[in-house]
Amino acid sequence: MRKLTYFIACSIDGFIGGPDGDASFMYRFVDEEFFEFLKEEYPETVPTFGRRHRGIDDLPNKRFDTVVQGRGSYDLALKEGITSPYAHLREIVASRTLTESPDPNVEIVSTDLVGRVRELKAEEGGLDIYLCGGAAVAGELADEVDELVIKTYPVVLGTGMPMFASGFDVSEFTTGRVRTFGNGVVVRTYERRR
């Protein structure tokens, strides 16, 4: 069975963006050391245009072959005229308002996102599934998340968009790898305790 991994960047106090969802202030932490880590361990999490810009478009996917993201995350690319931000992956966009896909590589899921993710997880073979964000989609899929990879940047926001926009529910995870970078970034991996 394939895993759903929520691979997300956040502040020390657990926000993935400001109150309006803007997370551009986190980009400055993707320095050479951190980018090398992404390139070596999670190259498929770099959007296609970023892969081309950095000359790593030919790297094979190592962990994921499918990405799930919400409309807000997808809109960041659409505003730049990019209809397939993760063209090197199978793309699923959860949206109740986007009725038609602007790209043949992008599947729009408007109802039963949990059911669609369960179908993806049950597929034979292949790599795992990358949950890109945002908070509402992560909240809807909270019970389906098998692994968390949290990239914590050394900033405190005080308020903002949480990792999971969902009701109160205690879910236990066990700590896996922890890696610290020279720029203050800490990447922690957690597996769901089932």
C-alpha atoms as a PDB file:
ATOM      1  CA  MET A   1       0.000   0.000   0.000  1.00  0.00           C
ATOM      2  CA  ARG A   2       1.280   3.443  -0.942  1.00  0.00           C
ATOM      3  CA  LYS A   3       1.788   6.159   1.679  1.00  0.00           C
ATOM      4  CA  LEU A   4       0.404   9.679   1.756  1.00  0.00           C
ATOM      5  CA  THR A   5       3.198  11.993   2.930  1.00  0.00           C
ATOM      6  CA  TYR A   6       2.478  15.554   3.986  1.00  0.00           C
ATOM      7  CA  PHE A   7       5.729  17.297   3.001  1.00  0.00           C
ATOM      8  CA  ILE A   8       5.343  20.822   4.285  1.00  0.00           C
ATOM      9  CA  ALA A   9       7.290  23.931   5.303  1.00  0.00           C
ATOM     10  CA  CYS A  10       6.293  25.788   8.450  1.00  0.00           C
ATOM     11  CA  SER A  11       7.362  28.335  11.023  1.00  0.00           C
ATOM     12  CA  ILE A  12       8.609  27.365  14.494  1.00  0.00           C
ATOM     13  CA  ASP A  13       5.088  27.963  15.792  1.00  0.00           C
ATOM     14  CA  GLY A  14       3.541  25.640  13.200  1.00  0.00           C
ATOM     15  CA  PHE A  15       2.137  27.969  10.533  1.00  0.00           C
ATOM     16  CA  ILE A  16       2.556  27.168   6.833  1.00  0.00           C
ATOM     17  CA  GLY A  17       1.928  30.756   5.808  1.00  0.00           C
ATOM     18  CA  GLY A  18       0.684  34.091   6.998  1.00  0.00           C
ATOM     19  CA  PRO A  19      -3.027  34.727   7.654  1.00  0.00           C
ATOM     20  CA  ASP A  20      -3.536  35.154   3.896  1.00  0.00           C
ATOM     21  CA  GLY A  21      -1.537  31.988   3.131  1.00  0.00           C
ATOM     22  CA  ASP A  22       1.534  33.825   1.813  1.00  0.00           C
ATOM     23  CA  ALA A  23       4.680  31.803   2.509  1.00  0.00           C
ATOM     24  CA  SER A  24       7.103  33.628   0.238  1.00  0.00           C
ATOM     25  CA  PHE A  25       9.149  34.750   3.259  1.00  0.00           C
ATOM     26  CA  MET A  26      10.272  31.118   3.621  1.00  0.00           C
ATOM     27  CA  TYR A  27      11.925  30.964   0.182  1.00  0.00           C
ATOM     28  CA  ARG A  28      15.122  32.615   1.443  1.00  0.00           C
ATOM     29  CA  PHE A  29      15.877  29.505   3.505  1.00  0.00           C
ATOM     30  CA  VAL A  30      16.335  27.376   0.390  1.00  0.00           C
ATOM     31  CA  ASP A  31      20.083  27.996   0.262  1.00  0.00           C
ATOM     32  CA  GLU A  32      22.640  25.741  -1.443  1.00  0.00           C
ATOM     33  CA  GLU A  33      22.958  23.287   1.456  1.00  0.00           C
ATOM     34  CA  PHE A  34      19.194  22.912   1.821  1.00  0.00           C
ATOM     35  CA  PHE A  35      18.647  22.710  -1.938  1.00  0.00           C
ATOM     36  CA  GLU A  36      21.226  19.896  -2.147  1.00  0.00           C
ATOM     37  CA  PHE A  37      19.189  18.002   0.466  1.00  0.00           C
ATOM     38  CA  LEU A  38      16.000  18.488  -1.567  1.00  0.00           C
ATOM     39  CA  LYS A  39      17.788  17.482  -4.765  1.00  0.00           C
ATOM     40  CA  GLU A  40      19.235  14.321  -3.216  1.00  0.00           C
ATOM     41  CA  GLU A  41      16.262  13.148  -1.142  1.00  0.00           C
ATOM     42  CA  TYR A  42      13.079  14.773  -2.487  1.00  0.00           C
ATOM     43  CA  PRO A  43      13.768  16.057  -6.031  1.00  0.00           C
ATOM     44  CA  GLU A  44      10.161  15.585  -7.118  1.00  0.00           C
ATOM     45  CA  THR A  45       8.959  18.145  -4.534  1.00  0.00           C
ATOM     46  CA  VAL A  46      10.659  20.918  -6.512  1.00  0.00           C
ATOM     47  CA  PRO A  47       8.095  22.272  -9.029  1.00  0.00           C
ATOM     48  CA  THR A  48       8.871  21.611 -12.684  1.00  0.00           C
ATOM     49  CA  PHE A  49       9.775  25.219 -13.495  1.00  0.00           C
ATOM     50  CA  GLY A  50      12.197  25.244 -10.523  1.00  0.00           C
ATOM     51  CA  ARG A  51      13.735  21.966 -11.641  1.00  0.00           C
ATOM     52  CA  ARG A  52      14.329  23.393 -15.119  1.00  0.00           C
ATOM     53  CA  HIS A  53      15.724  26.639 -13.717  1.00  0.00           C
ATOM     54  CA  ARG A  54      18.175  24.749 -11.454  1.00  0.00           C
ATOM     55  CA  GLY A  55      19.160  22.236 -14.157  1.00  0.00           C
ATOM     56  CA  ILE A  56      17.756  19.164 -12.406  1.00  0.00           C
ATOM     57  CA  ASP A  57      14.819  18.428 -14.704  1.00  0.00           C
ATOM     58  CA  ASP A  58      16.385  15.078 -15.623  1.00  0.00           C
ATOM     59  CA  LEU A  59      16.518  13.748 -12.034  1.00  0.00           C
ATOM     60  CA  PRO A  60      14.242  10.747 -11.532  1.00  0.00           C
ATOM     61  CA  ASN A  61      11.499  10.815  -8.921  1.00  0.00           C
ATOM     62  CA  LYS A  62      12.744   9.071  -5.784  1.00  0.00           C
ATOM     63  CA  ARG A  63       9.856   9.097  -3.324  1.00  0.00           C
ATOM     64  CA  PHE A  64       6.673  10.274  -5.046  1.00  0.00           C
ATOM     65  CA  ASP A  65       4.898   9.794  -8.368  1.00  0.00           C
ATOM     66  CA  THR A  66       1.687  11.676  -7.490  1.00  0.00           C
ATOM     67  CA  VAL A  67       1.008  15.076  -5.914  1.00  0.00           C
ATOM     68  CA  VAL A  68      -2.216  16.200  -4.212  1.00  0.00           C
ATOM     69  CA  GLN A  69      -2.777  19.886  -3.605  1.00  0.00           C
ATOM     70  CA  GLY A  70      -5.581  22.303  -2.924  1.00  0.00           C
ATOM     71  CA  ARG A  71      -6.910  25.046  -5.132  1.00  0.00           C
ATOM     72  CA  GLY A  72      -5.056  27.764  -3.193  1.00  0.00           C
ATOM     73  CA  SER A  73      -1.695  26.057  -3.725  1.00  0.00           C
ATOM     74  CA  TYR A  74      -2.522  25.376  -7.366  1.00  0.00           C
ATOM     75  CA  ASP A  75      -3.568  28.991  -7.932  1.00  0.00           C
ATOM     76  CA  LEU A  76      -0.033  30.160  -7.127  1.00  0.00           C
ATOM     77  CA  ALA A  77       1.125  28.467 -10.333  1.00  0.00           C
ATOM     78  CA  LEU A  78      -1.947  29.438 -12.365  1.00  0.00           C
ATOM     79  CA  LYS A  79      -1.324  33.122 -11.594  1.00  0.00           C
ATOM     80  CA  GLU A  80       2.073  32.683 -13.266  1.00  0.00           C
ATOM     81  CA  GLY A  81       0.490  31.004 -16.308  1.00  0.00           C
ATOM     82  CA  ILE A  82       1.682  27.537 -15.242  1.00  0.00           C
ATOM     83  CA  THR A  83      -1.107  24.971 -15.640  1.00  0.00           C
ATOM     84  CA  SER A  84       0.953  21.923 -14.650  1.00  0.00           C
ATOM     85  CA  PRO A  85       3.321  22.959 -11.816  1.00  0.00           C
ATOM     86  CA  TYR A  86       4.402  19.364 -11.150  1.00  0.00           C
ATOM     87  CA  ALA A  87       4.453  18.036 -14.724  1.00  0.00           C
ATOM     88  CA  HIS A  88       6.903  15.315 -13.655  1.00  0.00           C
ATOM     89  CA  LEU A  89       4.184  13.846 -11.353  1.00  0.00           C
ATOM     90  CA  ARG A  90       0.556  12.818 -11.680  1.00  0.00           C
ATOM     91  CA  GLU A  91      -1.272  15.900 -10.400  1.00  0.00           C
ATOM     92  CA  ILE A  92      -4.479  15.904  -8.357  1.00  0.00           C
ATOM     93  CA  VAL A  93      -6.053  19.261  -7.446  1.00  0.00           C
ATOM     94  CA  ALA A  94      -8.848  19.382  -4.884  1.00  0.00           C
ATOM     95  CA  SER A  95     -11.307  22.126  -5.758  1.00  0.00           C
ATOM     96  CA  ARG A  96     -15.026  22.671  -5.390  1.00  0.00           C
ATOM     97  CA  THR A  97     -14.920  25.736  -7.642  1.00  0.00           C
ATOM     98  CA  LEU A  98     -12.607  24.743 -10.491  1.00  0.00           C
ATOM     99  CA  THR A  99     -14.904  22.708 -12.698  1.00  0.00           C
ATOM    100  CA  GLU A 100     -12.623  21.991 -15.627  1.00  0.00           C
ATOM    101  CA  SER A 101      -8.928  21.190 -15.666  1.00  0.00           C
ATOM    102  CA  PRO A 102      -6.774  23.710 -17.538  1.00  0.00           C
ATOM    103  CA  ASP A 103      -4.208  20.978 -18.265  1.00  0.00           C
ATOM    104  CA  PRO A 104      -4.470  17.317 -19.365  1.00  0.00           C
ATOM    105  CA  ASN A 105      -1.926  16.336 -16.655  1.00  0.00           C
ATOM    106  CA  VAL A 106      -4.096  17.791 -13.869  1.00  0.00           C
ATOM    107  CA  GLU A 107      -7.060  15.881 -12.452  1.00  0.00           C
ATOM    108  CA  ILE A 108      -9.627  17.997 -10.619  1.00  0.00           C
ATOM    109  CA  VAL A 109     -11.353  16.292  -7.668  1.00  0.00           C
ATOM    110  CA  SER A 110     -14.418  18.220  -6.534  1.00  0.00           C
ATOM    111  CA  THR A 111     -16.106  15.585  -4.369  1.00  0.00           C
ATOM    112  CA  ASP A 112     -14.917  12.741  -2.132  1.00  0.00           C
ATOM    113  CA  LEU A 113     -11.238  13.668  -1.967  1.00  0.00           C
ATOM    114  CA  VAL A 114     -10.741  11.097   0.803  1.00  0.00           C
ATOM    115  CA  GLY A 115     -12.141   8.362  -1.452  1.00  0.00           C
ATOM    116  CA  ARG A 116      -9.880   9.402  -4.330  1.00  0.00           C
ATOM    117  CA  VAL A 117      -6.797   9.400  -2.081  1.00  0.00           C
ATOM    118  CA  ARG A 118      -7.728   5.955  -0.762  1.00  0.00           C
ATOM    119  CA  GLU A 119      -7.884   4.724  -4.376  1.00  0.00           C
ATOM    120  CA  LEU A 120      -4.432   6.184  -5.031  1.00  0.00           C
ATOM    121  CA  LYS A 121      -3.030   4.570  -1.888  1.00  0.00           C
ATOM    122  CA  ALA A 122      -4.455   1.180  -2.896  1.00  0.00           C
ATOM    123  CA  GLU A 123      -2.784   1.195  -6.325  1.00  0.00           C
ATOM    124  CA  GLU A 124      -0.173  -1.481  -6.903  1.00  0.00           C
ATOM    125  CA  GLY A 125       3.444  -0.495  -7.315  1.00  0.00           C
ATOM    126  CA  GLY A 126       4.653   2.961  -7.951  1.00  0.00           C
ATOM    127  CA  LEU A 127       6.019   5.484  -5.519  1.00  0.00           C
ATOM    128  CA  ASP A 128       4.210   7.276  -2.710  1.00  0.00           C
ATOM    129  CA  ILE A 129       1.875  10.281  -2.765  1.00  0.00           C
ATOM    130  CA  TYR A 130       3.029  13.807  -1.956  1.00  0.00           C
ATOM    131  CA  LEU A 131       0.505  16.006  -0.139  1.00  0.00           C
ATOM    132  CA  CYS A 132       1.660  19.490  -1.055  1.00  0.00           C
ATOM    133  CA  GLY A 133      -0.938  21.560   0.810  1.00  0.00           C
ATOM    134  CA  GLY A 134      -2.715  23.612   1.811  1.00  0.00           C
ATOM    135  CA  ALA A 135      -4.284  23.651   5.221  1.00  0.00           C
ATOM    136  CA  ALA A 136      -7.872  22.860   4.181  1.00  0.00           C
ATOM    137  CA  VAL A 137      -6.864  19.869   2.043  1.00  0.00           C
ATOM    138  CA  ALA A 138      -4.523  18.619   4.778  1.00  0.00           C
ATOM    139  CA  GLY A 139      -7.353  18.966   7.286  1.00  0.00           C
ATOM    140  CA  GLU A 140      -9.695  16.986   5.062  1.00  0.00           C
ATOM    141  CA  LEU A 141      -7.049  14.274   4.580  1.00  0.00           C
ATOM    142  CA  ALA A 142      -5.680  14.300   8.148  1.00  0.00           C
ATOM    143  CA  ASP A 143      -6.742  10.703   8.855  1.00  0.00           C
ATOM    144  CA  GLU A 144      -5.140   9.516   5.600  1.00  0.00           C
ATOM    145  CA  VAL A 145      -1.700  11.029   6.277  1.00  0.00           C
ATOM    146  CA  ASP A 146       0.805   8.233   6.931  1.00  0.00           C
ATOM    147  CA  GLU A 147       3.957  10.318   7.191  1.00  0.00           C
ATOM    148  CA  LEU A 148       4.856  13.920   7.981  1.00  0.00           C
ATOM    149  CA  VAL A 149       8.010  15.558   6.675  1.00  0.00           C
ATOM    150  CA  ILE A 150       8.082  18.954   8.351  1.00  0.00           C
ATOM    151  CA  LYS A 151      10.601  21.537   7.192  1.00  0.00           C
ATOM    152  CA  THR A 152      10.669  24.011  10.085  1.00  0.00           C
ATOM    153  CA  TYR A 153      12.139  27.404   9.237  1.00  0.00           C
ATOM    154  CA  PRO A 154      13.626  29.550  12.036  1.00  0.00           C
ATOM    155  CA  VAL A 155      10.859  32.174  12.148  1.00  0.00           C
ATOM    156  CA  VAL A 156       7.886  32.789  14.443  1.00  0.00           C
ATOM    157  CA  LEU A 157       4.695  34.178  12.887  1.00  0.00           C
ATOM    158  CA  GLY A 158       2.380  34.458  15.875  1.00  0.00           C
ATOM    159  CA  THR A 159      -0.644  33.746  13.698  1.00  0.00           C
ATOM    160  CA  GLY A 160      -1.284  32.398  10.243  1.00  0.00           C
ATOM    161  CA  MET A 161      -2.399  29.379   8.269  1.00  0.00           C
ATOM    162  CA  PRO A 162      -2.103  26.178  10.332  1.00  0.00           C
ATOM    163  CA  MET A 163      -0.675  22.922   8.997  1.00  0.00           C
ATOM    164  CA  PHE A 164      -4.099  21.274   9.320  1.00  0.00           C
ATOM    165  CA  ALA A 165      -7.333  23.261   9.100  1.00  0.00           C
ATOM    166  CA  SER A 166      -9.464  20.716  10.931  1.00  0.00           C
ATOM    167  CA  GLY A 167     -11.235  20.155  14.195  1.00  0.00           C
ATOM    168  CA  PHE A 168      -9.586  18.951  17.365  1.00  0.00           C
ATOM    169  CA  ASP A 169      -8.444  15.338  17.163  1.00  0.00           C
ATOM    170  CA  VAL A 170      -5.376  13.760  18.735  1.00  0.00           C
ATOM    171  CA  SER A 171      -3.317  11.723  16.262  1.00  0.00           C
ATOM    172  CA  GLU A 172      -0.071  10.111  17.363  1.00  0.00           C
ATOM    173  CA  PHE A 173       3.073   9.871  15.282  1.00  0.00           C
ATOM    174  CA  THR A 174       6.514   8.470  16.053  1.00  0.00           C
ATOM    175  CA  THR A 175       9.644  10.486  15.385  1.00  0.00           C
ATOM    176  CA  GLY A 176      11.884   9.322  12.593  1.00  0.00           C
ATOM    177  CA  ARG A 177      14.829  11.224  11.178  1.00  0.00           C
ATOM    178  CA  VAL A 178      15.801  14.722  12.289  1.00  0.00           C
ATOM    179  CA  ARG A 179      18.227  16.810  10.269  1.00  0.00           C
ATOM    180  CA  THR A 180      19.522  20.299  11.038  1.00  0.00           C
ATOM    181  CA  PHE A 181      20.970  22.722   8.492  1.00  0.00           C
ATOM    182  CA  GLY A 182      23.406  25.606   8.858  1.00  0.00           C
ATOM    183  CA  ASN A 183      20.707  28.171   8.063  1.00  0.00           C
ATOM    184  CA  GLY A 184      18.606  27.040  11.059  1.00  0.00           C
ATOM    185  CA  VAL A 185      16.170  24.839   9.144  1.00  0.00           C
ATOM    186  CA  VAL A 186      15.211  21.571  10.842  1.00  0.00           C
ATOM    187  CA  VAL A 187      13.605  18.728   8.879  1.00  0.00           C
ATOM    188  CA  ARG A 188      11.741  16.169  10.987  1.00  0.00           C
ATOM    189  CA  THR A 189      10.085  12.998   9.766  1.00  0.00           C
ATOM    190  CA  TYR A 190       7.194  11.351  11.610  1.00  0.00           C
ATOM    191  CA  GLU A 191       5.329   8.100  10.932  1.00  0.00           C
ATOM    192  CA  ARG A 192       1.693   7.696  11.963  1.00  0.00           C
ATOM    193  CA  ARG A 193       1.198   5.339  14.869  1.00  0.00           C
ATOM    194  CA  ARG A 194      -1.654   3.021  13.825  1.00  0.00           C
END
